[in-house]
Amino acid sequence: MSEVEDDKQLDTTRPFFVSDAKALGLHPREFRGSRFRRLFKGVRIDADIPVTPLVLGEGALLIHPAGAFISHRSAAAIHGVATAGHAEVDVSVTNKADRRFTGGIRPHLAHNGDDTTTVKGVRVSSACRTFAELARVLSPVDLVVVGDRLVKLGRCTAKQLIDYCEAWTGYFRRKSIYCASLVRAGVDSPMETRLRLLIVFAGLPEPTVNFKLRRPDGSVRRRFDLSYPSVHLIIEYDGRQHAEDPEQWQIDIERREELDDEQWRLLIVTRKGIYDKPLQTLSRVRDKLLALGYPNVPRRFTDGWQQHFMPS
């Protein structure tokens, strides 16, 4: 059988062992050129294939025994939620002997491997398990960001997260339960989550997420990310650069005029108001709530927000 015919038996568009390719007749020099991309020691893929979290997960599981699964940050990425952190692939096993200490792999010993799902053939922690696993490595704010995103993507519900974390027997159970209780449905962006948590951690009333103004026929006329409907106050995160988008700037001016006509007040918070001037943002929200007559607004903030949002 010729080298070309042997090569056709190997699907190089998916991760494969170099040893398997050589056994099929592929010459070793092929692995010293640009035809294939190295994923892990002894594992390659066609260089034209984009290296996605799913591809890395499939490649990582090749070098592990059956029963291993992608977990933690890598599982979150496969579920569609990006997290900052290491570039290694998180792989969990339930037997110490099944761990693989090699470049590009971060091994974990799991207390069980029952709560997994399969994504395009790759075994991965379920969405709820991923959330609970990440309680060990993420800050509370970042963990709620993950939870909000998982719910937004339809991977689970907020109640399912709470129920799962209450039954969780792994590390950081109490932290996972607390953070799950802060997850909300309908959140559109991580910065919206951060803004909401800044307000909540300071002891201010929690704004309503995803409030909808409806027409008489029930259709949605407007939707507000964060708001206090009883006093017609909208809290909006805005990360856009309007000066670079005159058309959007004009649209927003017209929108604000319409809201003014309907006696809604709009308080806009930018990235700087969360990361650089959080106290100023809290003061703006508190003062506006007091001015509008919202009941039981504390005049002093609780200290909880400072450990998460005070600029260094």
C-alpha atoms as a PDB file:
ATOM      1  CA  MET A   1       0.000   0.000   0.000  1.00  0.00           C
ATOM      2  CA  SER A   2       1.397   3.416  -0.949  1.00  0.00           C
ATOM      3  CA  GLU A   3       2.111   6.234   1.496  1.00  0.00           C
ATOM      4  CA  VAL A   4      -0.717   8.309  -0.013  1.00  0.00           C
ATOM      5  CA  GLU A   5      -3.222   5.461   0.311  1.00  0.00           C
ATOM      6  CA  ASP A   6      -2.129   4.852   3.901  1.00  0.00           C
ATOM      7  CA  ASP A   7      -2.508   8.549   4.652  1.00  0.00           C
ATOM      8  CA  LYS A   8      -6.112   8.483   3.442  1.00  0.00           C
ATOM      9  CA  GLN A   9      -6.991   6.087   6.264  1.00  0.00           C
ATOM     10  CA  LEU A  10      -6.090   8.751   8.799  1.00  0.00           C
ATOM     11  CA  ASP A  11      -8.491  11.629   9.514  1.00  0.00           C
ATOM     12  CA  THR A  12      -6.020  14.430  10.097  1.00  0.00           C
ATOM     13  CA  THR A  13      -8.803  16.993  10.555  1.00  0.00           C
ATOM     14  CA  ARG A  14      -9.227  15.625  14.066  1.00  0.00           C
ATOM     15  CA  PRO A  15      -6.538  15.148  16.723  1.00  0.00           C
ATOM     16  CA  PHE A  16      -4.494  11.991  16.161  1.00  0.00           C
ATOM     17  CA  PHE A  17      -1.481  10.190  17.604  1.00  0.00           C
ATOM     18  CA  VAL A  18       1.779  10.600  15.723  1.00  0.00           C
ATOM     19  CA  SER A  19       2.447   6.929  16.426  1.00  0.00           C
ATOM     20  CA  ASP A  20      -0.778   5.941  14.657  1.00  0.00           C
ATOM     21  CA  ALA A  21       0.130   8.041  11.631  1.00  0.00           C
ATOM     22  CA  LYS A  22       3.570   6.495  11.429  1.00  0.00           C
ATOM     23  CA  ALA A  23       2.100   3.022  11.734  1.00  0.00           C
ATOM     24  CA  LEU A  24      -0.069   3.806   8.709  1.00  0.00           C
ATOM     25  CA  GLY A  25       3.010   4.775   6.721  1.00  0.00           C
ATOM     26  CA  LEU A  26       3.188   8.551   7.108  1.00  0.00           C
ATOM     27  CA  HIS A  27       6.856   9.555   6.962  1.00  0.00           C
ATOM     28  CA  PRO A  28       8.386  11.134  10.110  1.00  0.00           C
ATOM     29  CA  ARG A  29       9.541  14.153   8.097  1.00  0.00           C
ATOM     30  CA  GLU A  30       5.894  15.184   7.752  1.00  0.00           C
ATOM     31  CA  PHE A  31       5.877  16.075  11.439  1.00  0.00           C
ATOM     32  CA  ARG A  32       8.897  18.337  11.142  1.00  0.00           C
ATOM     33  CA  GLY A  33       7.247  20.572   8.559  1.00  0.00           C
ATOM     34  CA  SER A  34       4.227  22.873   8.543  1.00  0.00           C
ATOM     35  CA  ARG A  35       1.623  20.345   7.465  1.00  0.00           C
ATOM     36  CA  PHE A  36       0.551  19.472  11.012  1.00  0.00           C
ATOM     37  CA  ARG A  37       0.075  21.439  14.215  1.00  0.00           C
ATOM     38  CA  ARG A  38       1.275  20.129  17.558  1.00  0.00           C
ATOM     39  CA  LEU A  39      -1.463  20.035  20.207  1.00  0.00           C
ATOM     40  CA  PHE A  40       0.295  17.960  22.871  1.00  0.00           C
ATOM     41  CA  LYS A  41       3.270  15.672  23.009  1.00  0.00           C
ATOM     42  CA  GLY A  42       2.596  12.967  20.447  1.00  0.00           C
ATOM     43  CA  VAL A  43      -0.708  14.507  19.311  1.00  0.00           C
ATOM     44  CA  ARG A  44      -1.131  16.443  16.061  1.00  0.00           C
ATOM     45  CA  ILE A  45      -3.835  17.870  13.813  1.00  0.00           C
ATOM     46  CA  ASP A  46      -3.914  19.271  10.297  1.00  0.00           C
ATOM     47  CA  ALA A  47      -2.463  22.800  10.397  1.00  0.00           C
ATOM     48  CA  ASP A  48      -5.452  24.192   8.499  1.00  0.00           C
ATOM     49  CA  ILE A  49      -7.865  23.255  11.294  1.00  0.00           C
ATOM     50  CA  PRO A  50      -8.561  26.110  13.762  1.00  0.00           C
ATOM     51  CA  VAL A  51      -7.551  25.215  17.296  1.00  0.00           C
ATOM     52  CA  THR A  52     -10.769  25.723  19.244  1.00  0.00           C
ATOM     53  CA  PRO A  53     -11.478  24.746  22.875  1.00  0.00           C
ATOM     54  CA  LEU A  54     -13.335  21.720  21.516  1.00  0.00           C
ATOM     55  CA  VAL A  55     -10.363  20.620  19.399  1.00  0.00           C
ATOM     56  CA  LEU A  56      -7.999  21.028  22.339  1.00  0.00           C
ATOM     57  CA  GLY A  57     -10.380  19.074  24.531  1.00  0.00           C
ATOM     58  CA  GLU A  58     -10.587  16.220  22.066  1.00  0.00           C
ATOM     59  CA  GLY A  59      -6.814  16.146  21.747  1.00  0.00           C
ATOM     60  CA  ALA A  60      -6.306  16.189  25.513  1.00  0.00           C
ATOM     61  CA  LEU A  61      -8.690  13.297  26.058  1.00  0.00           C
ATOM     62  CA  LEU A  62      -6.777  11.217  23.494  1.00  0.00           C
ATOM     63  CA  ILE A  63      -3.918  10.804  25.959  1.00  0.00           C
ATOM     64  CA  HIS A  64      -6.195   9.908  28.883  1.00  0.00           C
ATOM     65  CA  PRO A  65      -8.007   6.678  29.725  1.00  0.00           C
ATOM     66  CA  ALA A  66     -11.752   6.356  29.261  1.00  0.00           C
ATOM     67  CA  GLY A  67     -13.660   8.199  31.951  1.00  0.00           C
ATOM     68  CA  ALA A  68     -11.580  11.375  31.826  1.00  0.00           C
ATOM     69  CA  PHE A  69     -13.419  14.582  30.968  1.00  0.00           C
ATOM     70  CA  ILE A  70     -12.750  18.236  30.228  1.00  0.00           C
ATOM     71  CA  SER A  71     -13.506  20.425  33.251  1.00  0.00           C
ATOM     72  CA  HIS A  72     -13.139  23.833  34.927  1.00  0.00           C
ATOM     73  CA  ARG A  73     -12.114  26.727  32.624  1.00  0.00           C
ATOM     74  CA  SER A  74     -11.775  24.466  29.585  1.00  0.00           C
ATOM     75  CA  ALA A  75     -15.284  23.101  30.085  1.00  0.00           C
ATOM     76  CA  ALA A  76     -16.604  26.650  30.405  1.00  0.00           C
ATOM     77  CA  ALA A  77     -14.965  27.540  27.083  1.00  0.00           C
ATOM     78  CA  ILE A  78     -16.582  24.554  25.373  1.00  0.00           C
ATOM     79  CA  HIS A  79     -19.936  25.622  26.808  1.00  0.00           C
ATOM     80  CA  GLY A  80     -19.343  29.043  25.244  1.00  0.00           C
ATOM     81  CA  VAL A  81     -18.132  31.009  28.259  1.00  0.00           C
ATOM     82  CA  ALA A  82     -14.638  32.496  28.180  1.00  0.00           C
ATOM     83  CA  THR A  83     -12.723  32.959  31.437  1.00  0.00           C
ATOM     84  CA  ALA A  84      -9.365  34.564  32.055  1.00  0.00           C
ATOM     85  CA  GLY A  85      -6.646  32.280  33.325  1.00  0.00           C
ATOM     86  CA  HIS A  86      -4.124  29.676  32.286  1.00  0.00           C
ATOM     87  CA  ALA A  87      -3.780  28.375  28.728  1.00  0.00           C
ATOM     88  CA  GLU A  88      -3.605  24.719  29.732  1.00  0.00           C
ATOM     89  CA  VAL A  89      -6.459  22.291  29.143  1.00  0.00           C
ATOM     90  CA  ASP A  90      -8.232  21.221  32.336  1.00  0.00           C
ATOM     91  CA  VAL A  91      -8.781  17.454  32.436  1.00  0.00           C
ATOM     92  CA  SER A  92     -10.449  15.701  35.371  1.00  0.00           C
ATOM     93  CA  VAL A  93     -10.164  12.034  36.304  1.00  0.00           C
ATOM     94  CA  THR A  94     -11.527  10.038  39.214  1.00  0.00           C
ATOM     95  CA  ASN A  95      -8.451   7.833  39.659  1.00  0.00           C
ATOM     96  CA  LYS A  96      -5.053   9.291  40.580  1.00  0.00           C
ATOM     97  CA  ALA A  97      -3.295   6.869  38.251  1.00  0.00           C
ATOM     98  CA  ASP A  98      -5.224   8.304  35.290  1.00  0.00           C
ATOM     99  CA  ARG A  99      -3.721  11.787  35.605  1.00  0.00           C
ATOM    100  CA  ARG A 100      -1.358  12.858  32.847  1.00  0.00           C
ATOM    101  CA  PHE A 101       1.358  15.366  33.725  1.00  0.00           C
ATOM    102  CA  THR A 102       2.428  16.698  30.364  1.00  0.00           C
ATOM    103  CA  GLY A 103       2.816  20.070  28.720  1.00  0.00           C
ATOM    104  CA  GLY A 104      -0.464  21.824  27.988  1.00  0.00           C
ATOM    105  CA  ILE A 105      -2.535  19.694  30.397  1.00  0.00           C
ATOM    106  CA  ARG A 106      -3.677  20.703  33.875  1.00  0.00           C
ATOM    107  CA  PRO A 107      -4.848  17.525  35.676  1.00  0.00           C
ATOM    108  CA  HIS A 108      -7.567  17.468  38.322  1.00  0.00           C
ATOM    109  CA  LEU A 109      -8.742  14.679  40.616  1.00  0.00           C
ATOM    110  CA  ALA A 110     -12.549  14.723  40.688  1.00  0.00           C
ATOM    111  CA  HIS A 111     -14.694  13.284  43.454  1.00  0.00           C
ATOM    112  CA  ASN A 112     -16.936  11.708  40.795  1.00  0.00           C
ATOM    113  CA  GLY A 113     -17.420  11.760  37.076  1.00  0.00           C
ATOM    114  CA  ASP A 114     -21.168  11.344  36.873  1.00  0.00           C
ATOM    115  CA  ASP A 115     -22.142  14.929  36.069  1.00  0.00           C
ATOM    116  CA  THR A 116     -20.825  15.147  32.541  1.00  0.00           C
ATOM    117  CA  THR A 117     -22.229  15.682  29.089  1.00  0.00           C
ATOM    118  CA  THR A 118     -20.936  15.158  25.553  1.00  0.00           C
ATOM    119  CA  VAL A 119     -20.349  18.051  23.163  1.00  0.00           C
ATOM    120  CA  LYS A 120     -19.635  16.885  19.613  1.00  0.00           C
ATOM    121  CA  GLY A 121     -18.096  13.688  20.941  1.00  0.00           C
ATOM    122  CA  VAL A 122     -16.032  15.344  23.690  1.00  0.00           C
ATOM    123  CA  ARG A 123     -16.842  14.416  27.277  1.00  0.00           C
ATOM    124  CA  VAL A 124     -17.097  17.559  29.373  1.00  0.00           C
ATOM    125  CA  SER A 125     -18.413  18.682  32.754  1.00  0.00           C
ATOM    126  CA  SER A 126     -22.086  19.594  32.676  1.00  0.00           C
ATOM    127  CA  ALA A 127     -22.854  23.309  32.818  1.00  0.00           C
ATOM    128  CA  CYS A 128     -23.846  23.121  36.490  1.00  0.00           C
ATOM    129  CA  ARG A 129     -20.791  21.084  37.402  1.00  0.00           C
ATOM    130  CA  THR A 130     -18.555  23.510  35.532  1.00  0.00           C
ATOM    131  CA  PHE A 131     -19.965  26.362  37.606  1.00  0.00           C
ATOM    132  CA  ALA A 132     -19.332  24.461  40.858  1.00  0.00           C
ATOM    133  CA  GLU A 133     -15.783  23.529  39.768  1.00  0.00           C
ATOM    134  CA  LEU A 134     -14.960  27.134  39.012  1.00  0.00           C
ATOM    135  CA  ALA A 135     -15.845  28.207  42.545  1.00  0.00           C
ATOM    136  CA  ARG A 136     -12.364  26.971  43.448  1.00  0.00           C
ATOM    137  CA  VAL A 137     -10.506  29.175  40.972  1.00  0.00           C
ATOM    138  CA  LEU A 138     -12.643  32.262  40.228  1.00  0.00           C
ATOM    139  CA  SER A 139     -13.529  35.294  42.304  1.00  0.00           C
ATOM    140  CA  PRO A 140     -17.200  35.616  43.316  1.00  0.00           C
ATOM    141  CA  VAL A 141     -17.779  38.335  40.724  1.00  0.00           C
ATOM    142  CA  ASP A 142     -16.205  36.318  37.915  1.00  0.00           C
ATOM    143  CA  LEU A 143     -18.137  33.216  38.989  1.00  0.00           C
ATOM    144  CA  VAL A 144     -21.470  35.047  38.815  1.00  0.00           C
ATOM    145  CA  VAL A 145     -20.445  36.351  35.382  1.00  0.00           C
ATOM    146  CA  VAL A 146     -20.003  32.714  34.300  1.00  0.00           C
ATOM    147  CA  GLY A 147     -23.346  31.732  35.805  1.00  0.00           C
ATOM    148  CA  ASP A 148     -25.210  34.578  34.123  1.00  0.00           C
ATOM    149  CA  ARG A 149     -23.674  33.626  30.790  1.00  0.00           C
ATOM    150  CA  LEU A 150     -24.456  29.919  31.144  1.00  0.00           C
ATOM    151  CA  VAL A 151     -28.083  30.799  31.832  1.00  0.00           C
ATOM    152  CA  LYS A 152     -28.186  33.286  28.948  1.00  0.00           C
ATOM    153  CA  LEU A 153     -26.883  30.619  26.575  1.00  0.00           C
ATOM    154  CA  GLY A 154     -29.527  28.167  27.753  1.00  0.00           C
ATOM    155  CA  ARG A 155     -27.019  25.698  29.207  1.00  0.00           C
ATOM    156  CA  CYS A 156     -28.926  25.666  32.508  1.00  0.00           C
ATOM    157  CA  THR A 157     -31.326  27.727  34.608  1.00  0.00           C
ATOM    158  CA  ALA A 158     -30.523  29.809  37.667  1.00  0.00           C
ATOM    159  CA  LYS A 159     -32.561  27.409  39.814  1.00  0.00           C
ATOM    160  CA  GLN A 160     -30.681  24.408  38.441  1.00  0.00           C
ATOM    161  CA  LEU A 161     -27.413  26.060  39.466  1.00  0.00           C
ATOM    162  CA  ILE A 162     -28.665  26.614  43.009  1.00  0.00           C
ATOM    163  CA  ASP A 163     -30.016  23.081  43.321  1.00  0.00           C
ATOM    164  CA  TYR A 164     -26.810  21.588  41.960  1.00  0.00           C
ATOM    165  CA  CYS A 165     -24.528  23.610  44.220  1.00  0.00           C
ATOM    166  CA  GLU A 166     -26.582  22.741  47.286  1.00  0.00           C
ATOM    167  CA  ALA A 167     -25.968  19.077  46.485  1.00  0.00           C
ATOM    168  CA  TRP A 168     -22.322  19.610  45.497  1.00  0.00           C
ATOM    169  CA  THR A 169     -19.852  17.616  47.600  1.00  0.00           C
ATOM    170  CA  GLY A 170     -16.692  19.087  46.102  1.00  0.00           C
ATOM    171  CA  TYR A 171     -14.564  22.007  47.210  1.00  0.00           C
ATOM    172  CA  PHE A 172     -15.963  25.496  47.917  1.00  0.00           C
ATOM    173  CA  ARG A 173     -19.580  24.365  48.224  1.00  0.00           C
ATOM    174  CA  ARG A 174     -20.685  27.360  50.303  1.00  0.00           C
ATOM    175  CA  LYS A 175     -19.102  29.808  47.878  1.00  0.00           C
ATOM    176  CA  SER A 176     -20.768  28.117  44.912  1.00  0.00           C
ATOM    177  CA  ILE A 177     -24.186  28.244  46.630  1.00  0.00           C
ATOM    178  CA  TYR A 178     -23.786  31.924  47.449  1.00  0.00           C
ATOM    179  CA  CYS A 179     -22.714  32.838  43.919  1.00  0.00           C
ATOM    180  CA  ALA A 180     -25.455  30.719  42.357  1.00  0.00           C
ATOM    181  CA  SER A 181     -27.985  32.695  44.398  1.00  0.00           C
ATOM    182  CA  LEU A 182     -26.758  35.854  42.626  1.00  0.00           C
ATOM    183  CA  VAL A 183     -27.175  34.486  39.090  1.00  0.00           C
ATOM    184  CA  ARG A 184     -30.006  36.053  37.099  1.00  0.00           C
ATOM    185  CA  ALA A 185     -31.724  35.215  33.825  1.00  0.00           C
ATOM    186  CA  GLY A 186     -31.688  37.625  30.906  1.00  0.00           C
ATOM    187  CA  VAL A 187     -28.279  39.232  31.523  1.00  0.00           C
ATOM    188  CA  ASP A 188     -26.688  40.327  28.272  1.00  0.00           C
ATOM    189  CA  SER A 189     -23.071  41.056  29.166  1.00  0.00           C
ATOM    190  CA  PRO A 190     -20.358  40.511  31.784  1.00  0.00           C
ATOM    191  CA  MET A 191     -20.198  44.247  32.460  1.00  0.00           C
ATOM    192  CA  GLU A 192     -23.908  44.303  33.194  1.00  0.00           C
ATOM    193  CA  THR A 193     -23.299  41.550  35.752  1.00  0.00           C
ATOM    194  CA  ARG A 194     -20.440  43.513  37.308  1.00  0.00           C
ATOM    195  CA  LEU A 195     -22.509  46.669  37.547  1.00  0.00           C
ATOM    196  CA  ARG A 196     -25.379  44.802  39.209  1.00  0.00           C
ATOM    197  CA  LEU A 197     -23.043  43.155  41.717  1.00  0.00           C
ATOM    198  CA  LEU A 198     -21.366  46.458  42.552  1.00  0.00           C
ATOM    199  CA  ILE A 199     -24.786  47.817  43.503  1.00  0.00           C
ATOM    200  CA  VAL A 200     -25.825  44.706  45.437  1.00  0.00           C
ATOM    201  CA  PHE A 201     -22.542  44.251  47.336  1.00  0.00           C
ATOM    202  CA  ALA A 202     -22.796  47.858  48.536  1.00  0.00           C
ATOM    203  CA  GLY A 203     -26.141  47.090  50.153  1.00  0.00           C
ATOM    204  CA  LEU A 204     -28.286  49.061  47.717  1.00  0.00           C
ATOM    205  CA  PRO A 205     -31.576  47.596  46.458  1.00  0.00           C
ATOM    206  CA  GLU A 206     -31.007  45.141  43.632  1.00  0.00           C
ATOM    207  CA  PRO A 207     -32.150  46.455  40.261  1.00  0.00           C
ATOM    208  CA  THR A 208     -34.546  44.449  38.149  1.00  0.00           C
ATOM    209  CA  VAL A 209     -32.864  42.597  35.278  1.00  0.00           C
ATOM    210  CA  ASN A 210     -34.333  42.668  31.793  1.00  0.00           C
ATOM    211  CA  PHE A 211     -37.488  44.666  32.575  1.00  0.00           C
ATOM    212  CA  LYS A 212     -39.826  45.015  29.586  1.00  0.00           C
ATOM    213  CA  LEU A 213     -42.206  47.820  28.717  1.00  0.00           C
ATOM    214  CA  ARG A 214     -45.073  46.393  26.706  1.00  0.00           C
ATOM    215  CA  ARG A 215     -47.619  47.768  24.286  1.00  0.00           C
ATOM    216  CA  PRO A 216     -51.348  47.224  24.878  1.00  0.00           C
ATOM    217  CA  ASP A 217     -51.186  44.096  22.701  1.00  0.00           C
ATOM    218  CA  GLY A 218     -48.458  42.585  24.903  1.00  0.00           C
ATOM    219  CA  SER A 219     -45.558  43.040  22.514  1.00  0.00           C
ATOM    220  CA  VAL A 220     -42.293  44.426  23.886  1.00  0.00           C
ATOM    221  CA  ARG A 221     -41.788  48.134  23.225  1.00  0.00           C
ATOM    222  CA  ARG A 222     -38.631  48.648  25.288  1.00  0.00           C
ATOM    223  CA  ARG A 223     -36.317  46.504  27.354  1.00  0.00           C
ATOM    224  CA  PHE A 224     -34.034  47.749  30.100  1.00  0.00           C
ATOM    225  CA  ASP A 225     -30.951  45.803  31.216  1.00  0.00           C
ATOM    226  CA  LEU A 226     -31.103  47.110  34.812  1.00  0.00           C
ATOM    227  CA  SER A 227     -33.860  49.256  36.250  1.00  0.00           C
ATOM    228  CA  TYR A 228     -36.035  50.231  39.202  1.00  0.00           C
ATOM    229  CA  PRO A 229     -39.445  50.202  37.502  1.00  0.00           C
ATOM    230  CA  SER A 230     -41.377  51.538  40.513  1.00  0.00           C
ATOM    231  CA  VAL A 231     -39.542  54.872  40.306  1.00  0.00           C
ATOM    232  CA  HIS A 232     -38.861  54.852  36.549  1.00  0.00           C
ATOM    233  CA  LEU A 233     -35.076  54.672  36.894  1.00  0.00           C
ATOM    234  CA  ILE A 234     -32.872  52.921  34.343  1.00  0.00           C
ATOM    235  CA  ILE A 235     -29.253  51.983  35.138  1.00  0.00           C
ATOM    236  CA  GLU A 236     -27.428  51.316  31.906  1.00  0.00           C
ATOM    237  CA  TYR A 237     -23.884  50.200  31.192  1.00  0.00           C
ATOM    238  CA  ASP A 238     -22.508  51.793  28.047  1.00  0.00           C
ATOM    239  CA  GLY A 239     -19.173  50.637  26.645  1.00  0.00           C
ATOM    240  CA  ARG A 240     -19.550  52.141  23.188  1.00  0.00           C
ATOM    241  CA  GLN A 241     -17.579  55.021  21.739  1.00  0.00           C
ATOM    242  CA  HIS A 242     -20.315  57.306  20.451  1.00  0.00           C
ATOM    243  CA  ALA A 243     -17.906  59.824  19.025  1.00  0.00           C
ATOM    244  CA  GLU A 244     -16.856  57.163  16.531  1.00  0.00           C
ATOM    245  CA  ASP A 245     -20.453  56.315  15.625  1.00  0.00           C
ATOM    246  CA  PRO A 246     -22.481  59.455  14.859  1.00  0.00           C
ATOM    247  CA  GLU A 247     -25.505  57.447  13.716  1.00  0.00           C
ATOM    248  CA  GLN A 248     -25.709  55.525  17.000  1.00  0.00           C
ATOM    249  CA  TRP A 249     -25.158  58.774  18.904  1.00  0.00           C
ATOM    250  CA  GLN A 250     -28.204  60.305  17.184  1.00  0.00           C
ATOM    251  CA  ILE A 251     -30.313  57.225  17.889  1.00  0.00           C
ATOM    252  CA  ASP A 252     -29.422  57.429  21.557  1.00  0.00           C
ATOM    253  CA  ILE A 253     -30.283  61.125  21.730  1.00  0.00           C
ATOM    254  CA  GLU A 254     -33.730  60.404  20.303  1.00  0.00           C
ATOM    255  CA  ARG A 255     -34.185  57.493  22.697  1.00  0.00           C
ATOM    256  CA  ARG A 256     -33.320  59.642  25.706  1.00  0.00           C
ATOM    257  CA  GLU A 257     -35.782  62.298  24.591  1.00  0.00           C
ATOM    258  CA  GLU A 258     -38.534  59.676  24.359  1.00  0.00           C
ATOM    259  CA  LEU A 259     -37.665  58.335  27.807  1.00  0.00           C
ATOM    260  CA  ASP A 260     -37.763  61.862  29.232  1.00  0.00           C
ATOM    261  CA  ASP A 261     -41.219  62.351  27.730  1.00  0.00           C
ATOM    262  CA  GLU A 262     -42.340  59.177  29.504  1.00  0.00           C
ATOM    263  CA  GLN A 263     -40.724  60.330  32.768  1.00  0.00           C
ATOM    264  CA  TRP A 264     -38.057  57.617  32.870  1.00  0.00           C
ATOM    265  CA  ARG A 265     -34.668  58.657  34.199  1.00  0.00           C
ATOM    266  CA  LEU A 266     -31.525  57.202  32.647  1.00  0.00           C
ATOM    267  CA  LEU A 267     -28.290  56.814  34.620  1.00  0.00           C
ATOM    268  CA  ILE A 268     -25.423  55.727  32.387  1.00  0.00           C
ATOM    269  CA  VAL A 269     -22.346  53.961  33.780  1.00  0.00           C
ATOM    270  CA  THR A 270     -19.173  53.420  31.755  1.00  0.00           C
ATOM    271  CA  ARG A 271     -16.282  51.032  32.262  1.00  0.00           C
ATOM    272  CA  LYS A 272     -14.434  53.683  34.259  1.00  0.00           C
ATOM    273  CA  GLY A 273     -17.390  53.928  36.610  1.00  0.00           C
ATOM    274  CA  ILE A 274     -16.980  50.265  37.532  1.00  0.00           C
ATOM    275  CA  TYR A 275     -13.214  49.780  37.566  1.00  0.00           C
ATOM    276  CA  ASP A 276     -11.831  53.243  38.371  1.00  0.00           C
ATOM    277  CA  LYS A 277     -14.595  55.151  40.172  1.00  0.00           C
ATOM    278  CA  PRO A 278     -16.928  52.577  41.754  1.00  0.00           C
ATOM    279  CA  LEU A 279     -17.671  54.735  44.800  1.00  0.00           C
ATOM    280  CA  GLN A 280     -18.771  57.580  42.564  1.00  0.00           C
ATOM    281  CA  THR A 281     -21.066  55.199  40.690  1.00  0.00           C
ATOM    282  CA  LEU A 282     -22.603  53.928  43.918  1.00  0.00           C
ATOM    283  CA  SER A 283     -23.177  57.482  45.107  1.00  0.00           C
ATOM    284  CA  ARG A 284     -24.901  58.365  41.840  1.00  0.00           C
ATOM    285  CA  VAL A 285     -27.233  55.364  42.093  1.00  0.00           C
ATOM    286  CA  ARG A 286     -28.005  55.962  45.778  1.00  0.00           C
ATOM    287  CA  ASP A 287     -28.639  59.676  45.321  1.00  0.00           C
ATOM    288  CA  LYS A 288     -30.922  59.108  42.356  1.00  0.00           C
ATOM    289  CA  LEU A 289     -32.943  56.476  44.238  1.00  0.00           C
ATOM    290  CA  LEU A 290     -33.324  58.832  47.206  1.00  0.00           C
ATOM    291  CA  ALA A 291     -34.353  61.722  44.968  1.00  0.00           C
ATOM    292  CA  LEU A 292     -36.993  59.579  43.285  1.00  0.00           C
ATOM    293  CA  GLY A 293     -38.412  58.379  46.587  1.00  0.00           C
ATOM    294  CA  TYR A 294     -37.392  54.735  46.465  1.00  0.00           C
ATOM    295  CA  PRO A 295     -38.151  53.236  49.905  1.00  0.00           C
ATOM    296  CA  ASN A 296     -35.553  52.078  52.437  1.00  0.00           C
ATOM    297  CA  VAL A 297     -32.457  53.178  50.539  1.00  0.00           C
ATOM    298  CA  PRO A 298     -29.433  53.032  52.891  1.00  0.00           C
ATOM    299  CA  ARG A 299     -27.465  56.241  53.069  1.00  0.00           C
ATOM    300  CA  ARG A 300     -24.250  54.404  53.935  1.00  0.00           C
ATOM    301  CA  PHE A 301     -22.831  51.568  51.885  1.00  0.00           C
ATOM    302  CA  THR A 302     -21.937  48.212  53.362  1.00  0.00           C
ATOM    303  CA  ASP A 303     -18.280  47.210  53.113  1.00  0.00           C
ATOM    304  CA  GLY A 304     -18.723  44.101  50.973  1.00  0.00           C
ATOM    305  CA  TRP A 305     -18.255  45.864  47.652  1.00  0.00           C
ATOM    306  CA  GLN A 306     -14.766  47.120  48.434  1.00  0.00           C
ATOM    307  CA  GLN A 307     -12.971  43.773  48.297  1.00  0.00           C
ATOM    308  CA  HIS A 308     -14.331  43.167  44.799  1.00  0.00           C
ATOM    309  CA  PHE A 309     -14.352  46.598  43.184  1.00  0.00           C
ATOM    310  CA  MET A 310     -11.925  48.966  44.889  1.00  0.00           C
ATOM    311  CA  PRO A 311      -9.255  50.004  42.349  1.00  0.00           C
ATOM    312  CA  SER A 312      -5.743  48.898  43.286  1.00  0.00           C
END
